[in-house]
Structures are given as structure tokens and as C-alpha cells.
Amino acid sequence: RRNSRGLLNRSAVLGAALADISLLATAHAFVGTAASWLSRLALLCVIGQSGSVPPFALVDRPMAELWHTTKGGALCPPHGAARARSGPRQ
């Protein structure tokens, strides 16, 4: 809403986001939310910088649910879960 009314300085917002990501990429641990794409990006940057997955916590969703969503945003079942629930194939 603020952006459509011209009340948002998009350059400043982008600069702040890039500064945040740059600082977060050097972290040794991470606490964030899976709902935030900035948190997801920050975690990936930390992994890329360090070459390993740091200790981290996502306060709103488990890591296994982080990337596995359908186009509409619904969670996909884990691999093999659909078959296990539906019983043997006919």
C-alpha cells in the first residue's frame, strides 16, 4: 500500500535488505522464520559462506516443511508418505 502511494523509498529498502543479508552471511548460528523469504535467503547465504549448515532454528515451521510446497502453498507430503497412507497398490 505504501509503495503504491509512493511513500516507500525502494532503493533504501533494497539497500537495507542487502546489508542485512551481507551481515547475516557471516553468522555462526541462525534463528529466523520459514515464512520469511529473507530468512530463507539468509540461511542459504550462511551455508554458502561457511560451507556447512550452521546451528539454526526456524520458529514457525520445521525445516522439512520449508521448501516442499505446492504452487498454491500447501505442504507436499514427504517422499513415500502418500503411498504408505494409501496402502498397497492395486
PDB file of N, CA and C in Angstrom:
ATOM      1  N   ARG A   1       0.815  -1.185   0.000  1.00  0.00           N
ATOM      2  CA  ARG A   1       0.000   0.000   0.000  1.00  0.00           C
ATOM      3  C   ARG A   1       0.866   1.259   0.000  1.00  0.00           C
ATOM      4  N   ARG A   2       1.850   1.260   0.870  1.00  0.00           N
ATOM      5  CA  ARG A   2       2.719   2.440   0.926  1.00  0.00           C
ATOM      6  C   ARG A   2       3.487   2.595  -0.380  1.00  0.00           C
ATOM      7  N   ASN A   3       3.875   1.460  -0.975  1.00  0.00           N
ATOM      8  CA  ASN A   3       4.617   1.510  -2.227  1.00  0.00           C
ATOM      9  C   ASN A   3       3.758   2.091  -3.346  1.00  0.00           C
ATOM     10  N   SER A   4       2.502   1.678  -3.429  1.00  0.00           N
ATOM     11  CA  SER A   4       1.616   2.168  -4.492  1.00  0.00           C
ATOM     12  C   SER A   4       1.316   3.669  -4.347  1.00  0.00           C
ATOM     13  N   ARG A   5       1.416   4.193  -3.135  1.00  0.00           N
ATOM     14  CA  ARG A   5       1.186   5.622  -2.909  1.00  0.00           C
ATOM     15  C   ARG A   5       2.468   6.436  -3.040  1.00  0.00           C
ATOM     16  N   GLY A   6       3.588   5.775  -3.318  1.00  0.00           N
ATOM     17  CA  GLY A   6       4.843   6.481  -3.486  1.00  0.00           C
ATOM     18  C   GLY A   6       5.501   6.886  -2.177  1.00  0.00           C
ATOM     19  N   LEU A   7       5.115   6.253  -1.078  1.00  0.00           N
ATOM     20  CA  LEU A   7       5.646   6.604   0.230  1.00  0.00           C
ATOM     21  C   LEU A   7       6.845   5.745   0.639  1.00  0.00           C
ATOM     22  N   LEU A   8       7.259   4.859  -0.235  1.00  0.00           N
ATOM     23  CA  LEU A   8       8.323   3.924   0.094  1.00  0.00           C
ATOM     24  C   LEU A   8       9.539   4.186  -0.787  1.00  0.00           C
ATOM     25  N   ASN A   9      10.689   4.345  -0.175  1.00  0.00           N
ATOM     26  CA  ASN A   9      11.926   4.512  -0.921  1.00  0.00           C
ATOM     27  C   ASN A   9      12.477   3.113  -1.195  1.00  0.00           C
ATOM     28  N   ARG A  10      12.169   2.575  -2.386  1.00  0.00           N
ATOM     29  CA  ARG A  10      12.541   1.202  -2.705  1.00  0.00           C
ATOM     30  C   ARG A  10      14.043   0.997  -2.731  1.00  0.00           C
ATOM     31  N   SER A  11      14.813   1.994  -3.111  1.00  0.00           N
ATOM     32  CA  SER A  11      16.271   1.881  -3.108  1.00  0.00           C
ATOM     33  C   SER A  11      16.803   1.712  -1.694  1.00  0.00           C
ATOM     34  N   ALA A  12      16.236   2.450  -0.766  1.00  0.00           N
ATOM     35  CA  ALA A  12      16.667   2.340   0.635  1.00  0.00           C
ATOM     36  C   ALA A  12      16.285   0.983   1.213  1.00  0.00           C
ATOM     37  N   VAL A  13      15.101   0.488   0.868  1.00  0.00           N
ATOM     38  CA  VAL A  13      14.666  -0.823   1.355  1.00  0.00           C
ATOM     39  C   VAL A  13      15.574  -1.918   0.798  1.00  0.00           C
ATOM     40  N   LEU A  14      15.885  -1.863  -0.477  1.00  0.00           N
ATOM     41  CA  LEU A  14      16.779  -2.852  -1.082  1.00  0.00           C
ATOM     42  C   LEU A  14      18.167  -2.770  -0.463  1.00  0.00           C
ATOM     43  N   GLY A  15      18.679  -1.571  -0.271  1.00  0.00           N
ATOM     44  CA  GLY A  15      19.992  -1.404   0.346  1.00  0.00           C
ATOM     45  C   GLY A  15      20.039  -1.974   1.753  1.00  0.00           C
ATOM     46  N   ALA A  16      18.980  -1.752   2.523  1.00  0.00           N
ATOM     47  CA  ALA A  16      18.917  -2.292   3.887  1.00  0.00           C
ATOM     48  C   ALA A  16      18.847  -3.805   3.869  1.00  0.00           C
ATOM     49  N   ALA A  17      18.064  -4.359   2.950  1.00  0.00           N
ATOM     50  CA  ALA A  17      17.954  -5.821   2.849  1.00  0.00           C
ATOM     51  C   ALA A  17      19.300  -6.446   2.471  1.00  0.00           C
ATOM     52  N   LEU A  18      19.994  -5.832   1.515  1.00  0.00           N
ATOM     53  CA  LEU A  18      21.304  -6.364   1.108  1.00  0.00           C
ATOM     54  C   LEU A  18      22.324  -6.244   2.233  1.00  0.00           C
ATOM     55  N   ALA A  19      22.259  -5.164   3.001  1.00  0.00           N
ATOM     56  CA  ALA A  19      23.155  -5.007   4.150  1.00  0.00           C
ATOM     57  C   ALA A  19      22.862  -6.078   5.193  1.00  0.00           C
ATOM     58  N   ASP A  20      21.586  -6.338   5.451  1.00  0.00           N
ATOM     59  CA  ASP A  20      21.201  -7.386   6.401  1.00  0.00           C
ATOM     60  C   ASP A  20      21.718  -8.748   5.959  1.00  0.00           C
ATOM     61  N   ILE A  21      21.514  -9.072   4.686  1.00  0.00           N
ATOM     62  CA  ILE A  21      21.971 -10.365   4.157  1.00  0.00           C
ATOM     63  C   ILE A  21      23.486 -10.470   4.257  1.00  0.00           C
ATOM     64  N   SER A  22      24.183  -9.403   3.929  1.00  0.00           N
ATOM     65  CA  SER A  22      25.645  -9.393   3.997  1.00  0.00           C
ATOM     66  C   SER A  22      26.138  -9.667   5.415  1.00  0.00           C
ATOM     67  N   LEU A  23      25.515  -9.043   6.398  1.00  0.00           N
ATOM     68  CA  LEU A  23      25.895  -9.275   7.792  1.00  0.00           C
ATOM     69  C   LEU A  23      25.506 -10.675   8.256  1.00  0.00           C
ATOM     70  N   LEU A  24      24.304 -11.110   7.907  1.00  0.00           N
ATOM     71  CA  LEU A  24      23.837 -12.429   8.330  1.00  0.00           C
ATOM     72  C   LEU A  24      24.665 -13.558   7.717  1.00  0.00           C
ATOM     73  N   ALA A  25      25.221 -13.343   6.535  1.00  0.00           N
ATOM     74  CA  ALA A  25      26.013 -14.383   5.867  1.00  0.00           C
ATOM     75  C   ALA A  25      27.260 -14.763   6.658  1.00  0.00           C
ATOM     76  N   THR A  26      27.686 -13.907   7.564  1.00  0.00           N
ATOM     77  CA  THR A  26      28.880 -14.199   8.366  1.00  0.00           C
ATOM     78  C   THR A  26      28.542 -14.814   9.725  1.00  0.00           C
ATOM     79  N   ALA A  27      27.262 -15.095   9.968  1.00  0.00           N
ATOM     80  CA  ALA A  27      26.826 -15.624  11.263  1.00  0.00           C
ATOM     81  C   ALA A  27      27.314 -17.051  11.486  1.00  0.00           C
ATOM     82  N   HIS A  28      27.416 -17.431  12.750  1.00  0.00           N
ATOM     83  CA  HIS A  28      27.810 -18.794  13.122  1.00  0.00           C
ATOM     84  C   HIS A  28      26.601 -19.618  13.542  1.00  0.00           C
ATOM     85  N   ALA A  29      25.457 -18.991  13.699  1.00  0.00           N
ATOM     86  CA  ALA A  29      24.193 -19.639  14.028  1.00  0.00           C
ATOM     87  C   ALA A  29      23.076 -18.745  13.497  1.00  0.00           C
ATOM     88  N   PHE A  30      21.871 -19.298  13.392  1.00  0.00           N
ATOM     89  CA  PHE A  30      20.791 -18.523  12.803  1.00  0.00           C
ATOM     90  C   PHE A  30      19.458 -18.863  13.460  1.00  0.00           C
ATOM     91  N   VAL A  31      18.674 -17.849  13.766  1.00  0.00           N
ATOM     92  CA  VAL A  31      17.296 -18.003  14.229  1.00  0.00           C
ATOM     93  C   VAL A  31      16.441 -17.131  13.320  1.00  0.00           C
ATOM     94  N   GLY A  32      15.435 -17.733  12.698  1.00  0.00           N
ATOM     95  CA  GLY A  32      14.582 -16.981  11.783  1.00  0.00           C
ATOM     96  C   GLY A  32      13.230 -17.646  11.640  1.00  0.00           C
ATOM     97  N   THR A  33      12.497 -17.245  10.617  1.00  0.00           N
ATOM     98  CA  THR A  33      11.184 -17.826  10.349  1.00  0.00           C
ATOM     99  C   THR A  33      11.153 -18.377   8.933  1.00  0.00           C
ATOM    100  N   ALA A  34      10.478 -19.500   8.769  1.00  0.00           N
ATOM    101  CA  ALA A  34      10.344 -20.098   7.445  1.00  0.00           C
ATOM    102  C   ALA A  34       9.414 -19.277   6.563  1.00  0.00           C
ATOM    103  N   ALA A  35       8.530 -18.500   7.162  1.00  0.00           N
ATOM    104  CA  ALA A  35       7.583 -17.695   6.397  1.00  0.00           C
ATOM    105  C   ALA A  35       8.268 -16.531   5.681  1.00  0.00           C
ATOM    106  N   SER A  36       9.442 -16.150   6.143  1.00  0.00           N
ATOM    107  CA  SER A  36      10.150 -15.006   5.570  1.00  0.00           C
ATOM    108  C   SER A  36      11.161 -15.462   4.518  1.00  0.00           C
ATOM    109  N   TRP A  37      10.996 -14.958   3.301  1.00  0.00           N
ATOM    110  CA  TRP A  37      11.964 -15.289   2.260  1.00  0.00           C
ATOM    111  C   TRP A  37      13.328 -14.700   2.580  1.00  0.00           C
ATOM    112  N   LEU A  38      13.372 -13.586   3.298  1.00  0.00           N
ATOM    113  CA  LEU A  38      14.646 -13.000   3.697  1.00  0.00           C
ATOM    114  C   LEU A  38      15.370 -13.928   4.678  1.00  0.00           C
ATOM    115  N   SER A  39      14.631 -14.559   5.588  1.00  0.00           N
ATOM    116  CA  SER A  39      15.240 -15.534   6.496  1.00  0.00           C
ATOM    117  C   SER A  39      15.768 -16.737   5.737  1.00  0.00           C
ATOM    118  N   ARG A  40      14.993 -17.240   4.787  1.00  0.00           N
ATOM    119  CA  ARG A  40      15.439 -18.383   3.984  1.00  0.00           C
ATOM    120  C   ARG A  40      16.718 -18.041   3.226  1.00  0.00           C
ATOM    121  N   LEU A  41      16.735 -16.863   2.607  1.00  0.00           N
ATOM    122  CA  LEU A  41      17.908 -16.420   1.860  1.00  0.00           C
ATOM    123  C   LEU A  41      19.109 -16.266   2.786  1.00  0.00           C
ATOM    124  N   ALA A  42      18.888 -15.695   3.960  1.00  0.00           N
ATOM    125  CA  ALA A  42      19.981 -15.519   4.914  1.00  0.00           C
ATOM    126  C   ALA A  42      20.570 -16.866   5.318  1.00  0.00           C
ATOM    127  N   LEU A  43      19.722 -17.852   5.600  1.00  0.00           N
ATOM    128  CA  LEU A  43      20.220 -19.178   5.969  1.00  0.00           C
ATOM    129  C   LEU A  43      21.030 -19.792   4.829  1.00  0.00           C
ATOM    130  N   LEU A  44      20.547 -19.651   3.614  1.00  0.00           N
ATOM    131  CA  LEU A  44      21.297 -20.175   2.462  1.00  0.00           C
ATOM    132  C   LEU A  44      22.631 -19.451   2.288  1.00  0.00           C
ATOM    133  N   CYS A  45      22.671 -18.161   2.555  1.00  0.00           N
ATOM    134  CA  CYS A  45      23.924 -17.407   2.468  1.00  0.00           C
ATOM    135  C   CYS A  45      24.918 -17.856   3.533  1.00  0.00           C
ATOM    136  N   VAL A  46      24.424 -18.110   4.736  1.00  0.00           N
ATOM    137  CA  VAL A  46      25.306 -18.613   5.798  1.00  0.00           C
ATOM    138  C   VAL A  46      25.891 -19.955   5.387  1.00  0.00           C
ATOM    139  N   ILE A  47      25.062 -20.823   4.839  1.00  0.00           N
ATOM    140  CA  ILE A  47      25.527 -22.139   4.381  1.00  0.00           C
ATOM    141  C   ILE A  47      26.559 -21.968   3.273  1.00  0.00           C
ATOM    142  N   GLY A  48      26.286 -21.070   2.331  1.00  0.00           N
ATOM    143  CA  GLY A  48      27.224 -20.834   1.235  1.00  0.00           C
ATOM    144  C   GLY A  48      28.549 -20.259   1.691  1.00  0.00           C
ATOM    145  N   GLN A  49      28.514 -19.331   2.638  1.00  0.00           N
ATOM    146  CA  GLN A  49      29.746 -18.716   3.149  1.00  0.00           C
ATOM    147  C   GLN A  49      30.592 -19.702   3.928  1.00  0.00           C
ATOM    148  N   SER A  50      29.933 -20.496   4.786  1.00  0.00           N
ATOM    149  CA  SER A  50      30.684 -21.370   5.689  1.00  0.00           C
ATOM    150  C   SER A  50      30.975 -22.745   5.082  1.00  0.00           C
ATOM    151  N   GLY A  51      30.193 -23.144   4.100  1.00  0.00           N
ATOM    152  CA  GLY A  51      30.388 -24.462   3.500  1.00  0.00           C
ATOM    153  C   GLY A  51      29.754 -25.584   4.311  1.00  0.00           C
ATOM    154  N   SER A  52      29.011 -25.236   5.350  1.00  0.00           N
ATOM    155  CA  SER A  52      28.316 -26.238   6.157  1.00  0.00           C
ATOM    156  C   SER A  52      27.049 -25.617   6.741  1.00  0.00           C
ATOM    157  N   VAL A  53      26.161 -26.472   7.202  1.00  0.00           N
ATOM    158  CA  VAL A  53      24.917 -25.985   7.780  1.00  0.00           C
ATOM    159  C   VAL A  53      25.174 -25.601   9.239  1.00  0.00           C
ATOM    160  N   PRO A  54      24.903 -24.338   9.593  1.00  0.00           N
ATOM    161  CA  PRO A  54      25.157 -23.895  10.966  1.00  0.00           C
ATOM    162  C   PRO A  54      24.033 -24.358  11.890  1.00  0.00           C
ATOM    163  N   PRO A  55      24.228 -24.257  13.198  1.00  0.00           N
ATOM    164  CA  PRO A  55      23.097 -24.476  14.102  1.00  0.00           C
ATOM    165  C   PRO A  55      22.036 -23.429  13.780  1.00  0.00           C
ATOM    166  N   PHE A  56      20.794 -23.844  13.631  1.00  0.00           N
ATOM    167  CA  PHE A  56      19.746 -22.885  13.302  1.00  0.00           C
ATOM    168  C   PHE A  56      18.417 -23.327  13.887  1.00  0.00           C
ATOM    169  N   ALA A  57      17.511 -22.388  14.001  1.00  0.00           N
ATOM    170  CA  ALA A  57      16.146 -22.661  14.457  1.00  0.00           C
ATOM    171  C   ALA A  57      15.186 -21.817  13.639  1.00  0.00           C
ATOM    172  N   LEU A  58      14.136 -22.450  13.160  1.00  0.00           N
ATOM    173  CA  LEU A  58      13.050 -21.741  12.490  1.00  0.00           C
ATOM    174  C   LEU A  58      11.873 -21.792  13.447  1.00  0.00           C
ATOM    175  N   VAL A  59      11.427 -20.657  13.896  1.00  0.00           N
ATOM    176  CA  VAL A  59      10.474 -20.604  14.988  1.00  0.00           C
ATOM    177  C   VAL A  59       9.024 -20.899  14.585  1.00  0.00           C
ATOM    178  N   ASP A  60       8.751 -20.972  13.285  1.00  0.00           N
ATOM    179  CA  ASP A  60       7.366 -21.172  12.871  1.00  0.00           C
ATOM    180  C   ASP A  60       7.089 -22.475  12.134  1.00  0.00           C
ATOM    181  N   ARG A  61       8.114 -23.174  11.657  1.00  0.00           N
ATOM    182  CA  ARG A  61       7.891 -24.367  10.847  1.00  0.00           C
ATOM    183  C   ARG A  61       9.142 -25.234  10.857  1.00  0.00           C
ATOM    184  N   PRO A  62       9.004 -26.550  10.874  1.00  0.00           N
ATOM    185  CA  PRO A  62      10.194 -27.403  10.816  1.00  0.00           C
ATOM    186  C   PRO A  62      10.903 -27.295   9.461  1.00  0.00           C
ATOM    187  N   MET A  63      12.188 -27.560   9.445  1.00  0.00           N
ATOM    188  CA  MET A  63      12.980 -27.464   8.209  1.00  0.00           C
ATOM    189  C   MET A  63      12.440 -28.374   7.116  1.00  0.00           C
ATOM    190  N   ALA A  64      11.944 -29.553   7.481  1.00  0.00           N
ATOM    191  CA  ALA A  64      11.443 -30.496   6.469  1.00  0.00           C
ATOM    192  C   ALA A  64      10.284 -29.912   5.672  1.00  0.00           C
ATOM    193  N   GLU A  65       9.574 -28.963   6.236  1.00  0.00           N
ATOM    194  CA  GLU A  65       8.441 -28.342   5.552  1.00  0.00           C
ATOM    195  C   GLU A  65       8.826 -27.054   4.829  1.00  0.00           C
ATOM    196  N   LEU A  66      10.078 -26.666   4.912  1.00  0.00           N
ATOM    197  CA  LEU A  66      10.497 -25.364   4.417  1.00  0.00           C
ATOM    198  C   LEU A  66      10.346 -25.218   2.913  1.00  0.00           C
ATOM    199  N   TRP A  67      10.794 -26.159   2.142  1.00  0.00           N
ATOM    200  CA  TRP A  67      10.842 -25.983   0.690  1.00  0.00           C
ATOM    201  C   TRP A  67       9.783 -26.782  -0.050  1.00  0.00           C
ATOM    202  N   HIS A  68       9.143 -27.731   0.594  1.00  0.00           N
ATOM    203  CA  HIS A  68       8.246 -28.652  -0.090  1.00  0.00           C
ATOM    204  C   HIS A  68       6.811 -28.153  -0.053  1.00  0.00           C
ATOM    205  N   THR A  69       6.485 -27.238  -0.954  1.00  0.00           N
ATOM    206  CA  THR A  69       5.123 -26.730  -1.042  1.00  0.00           C
ATOM    207  C   THR A  69       4.642 -26.817  -2.479  1.00  0.00           C
ATOM    208  N   THR A  70       3.342 -26.899  -2.642  1.00  0.00           N
ATOM    209  CA  THR A  70       2.753 -26.909  -3.974  1.00  0.00           C
ATOM    210  C   THR A  70       2.633 -25.474  -4.466  1.00  0.00           C
ATOM    211  N   LYS A  71       2.193 -25.298  -5.688  1.00  0.00           N
ATOM    212  CA  LYS A  71       2.058 -23.962  -6.263  1.00  0.00           C
ATOM    213  C   LYS A  71       1.123 -23.084  -5.433  1.00  0.00           C
ATOM    214  N   GLY A  72       0.089 -23.679  -4.855  1.00  0.00           N
ATOM    215  CA  GLY A  72      -0.851 -22.918  -4.039  1.00  0.00           C
ATOM    216  C   GLY A  72      -0.368 -22.670  -2.622  1.00  0.00           C
ATOM    217  N   GLY A  73       0.791 -23.227  -2.249  1.00  0.00           N
ATOM    218  CA  GLY A  73       1.340 -23.016  -0.926  1.00  0.00           C
ATOM    219  C   GLY A  73       1.073 -24.140   0.053  1.00  0.00           C
ATOM    220  N   ALA A  74       0.268 -25.138  -0.353  1.00  0.00           N
ATOM    221  CA  ALA A  74       0.001 -26.267   0.537  1.00  0.00           C
ATOM    222  C   ALA A  74       1.244 -27.148   0.641  1.00  0.00           C
ATOM    223  N   LEU A  75       1.417 -27.749   1.808  1.00  0.00           N
ATOM    224  CA  LEU A  75       2.585 -28.612   2.006  1.00  0.00           C
ATOM    225  C   LEU A  75       2.436 -29.915   1.235  1.00  0.00           C
ATOM    226  N   CYS A  76       3.502 -30.347   0.604  1.00  0.00           N
ATOM    227  CA  CYS A  76       3.539 -31.638  -0.062  1.00  0.00           C
ATOM    228  C   CYS A  76       3.866 -32.701   0.984  1.00  0.00           C
ATOM    229  N   PRO A  77       3.336 -33.922   0.830  1.00  0.00           N
ATOM    230  CA  PRO A  77       3.708 -34.974   1.776  1.00  0.00           C
ATOM    231  C   PRO A  77       5.161 -35.371   1.563  1.00  0.00           C
ATOM    232  N   PRO A  78       5.846 -35.838   2.612  1.00  0.00           N
ATOM    233  CA  PRO A  78       7.221 -36.313   2.449  1.00  0.00           C
ATOM    234  C   PRO A  78       7.267 -37.448   1.439  1.00  0.00           C
ATOM    235  N   HIS A  79       8.432 -37.672   0.855  1.00  0.00           N
ATOM    236  CA  HIS A  79       8.589 -38.735  -0.140  1.00  0.00           C
ATOM    237  C   HIS A  79       8.142 -40.065   0.436  1.00  0.00           C
ATOM    238  N   GLY A  80       7.274 -40.770  -0.287  1.00  0.00           N
ATOM    239  CA  GLY A  80       6.806 -42.082   0.135  1.00  0.00           C
ATOM    240  C   GLY A  80       5.629 -42.045   1.096  1.00  0.00           C
ATOM    241  N   ALA A  81       5.305 -40.880   1.650  1.00  0.00           N
ATOM    242  CA  ALA A  81       4.235 -40.803   2.646  1.00  0.00           C
ATOM    243  C   ALA A  81       2.867 -41.064   2.020  1.00  0.00           C
ATOM    244  N   ALA A  82       2.641 -40.576   0.819  1.00  0.00           N
ATOM    245  CA  ALA A  82       1.338 -40.760   0.181  1.00  0.00           C
ATOM    246  C   ALA A  82       1.077 -42.232  -0.085  1.00  0.00           C
ATOM    247  N   ARG A  83       2.064 -42.951  -0.533  1.00  0.00           N
ATOM    248  CA  ARG A  83       1.914 -44.366  -0.822  1.00  0.00           C
ATOM    249  C   ARG A  83       1.690 -45.146   0.473  1.00  0.00           C
ATOM    250  N   ALA A  84       2.408 -44.778   1.524  1.00  0.00           N
ATOM    251  CA  ALA A  84       2.281 -45.502   2.787  1.00  0.00           C
ATOM    252  C   ALA A  84       0.879 -45.332   3.373  1.00  0.00           C
ATOM    253  N   ARG A  85       0.291 -44.152   3.221  1.00  0.00           N
ATOM    254  CA  ARG A  85      -1.047 -43.909   3.759  1.00  0.00           C
ATOM    255  C   ARG A  85      -2.148 -44.569   2.928  1.00  0.00           C
ATOM    256  N   SER A  86      -1.931 -44.663   1.628  1.00  0.00           N
ATOM    257  CA  SER A  86      -2.983 -45.176   0.768  1.00  0.00           C
ATOM    258  C   SER A  86      -2.995 -46.704   0.678  1.00  0.00           C
ATOM    259  N   GLY A  87      -2.033 -47.360   1.306  1.00  0.00           N
ATOM    260  CA  GLY A  87      -1.988 -48.809   1.282  1.00  0.00           C
ATOM    261  C   GLY A  87      -1.283 -49.334   0.043  1.00  0.00           C
ATOM    262  N   PRO A  88      -1.310 -50.634  -0.152  1.00  0.00           N
ATOM    263  CA  PRO A  88      -0.604 -51.226  -1.297  1.00  0.00           C
ATOM    264  C   PRO A  88      -1.264 -50.866  -2.616  1.00  0.00           C
ATOM    265  N   ARG A  89      -0.473 -50.868  -3.653  1.00  0.00           N
ATOM    266  CA  ARG A  89      -1.018 -50.574  -4.976  1.00  0.00           C
ATOM    267  C   ARG A  89      -1.909 -51.703  -5.450  1.00  0.00           C
ATOM    268  N   GLN A  90      -2.948 -51.348  -6.168  1.00  0.00           N
ATOM    269  CA  GLN A  90      -3.893 -52.337  -6.707  1.00  0.00           C
ATOM    270  C   GLN A  90      -3.482 -52.762  -8.087  1.00  0.00           C
TER     271      GLN A  90
END
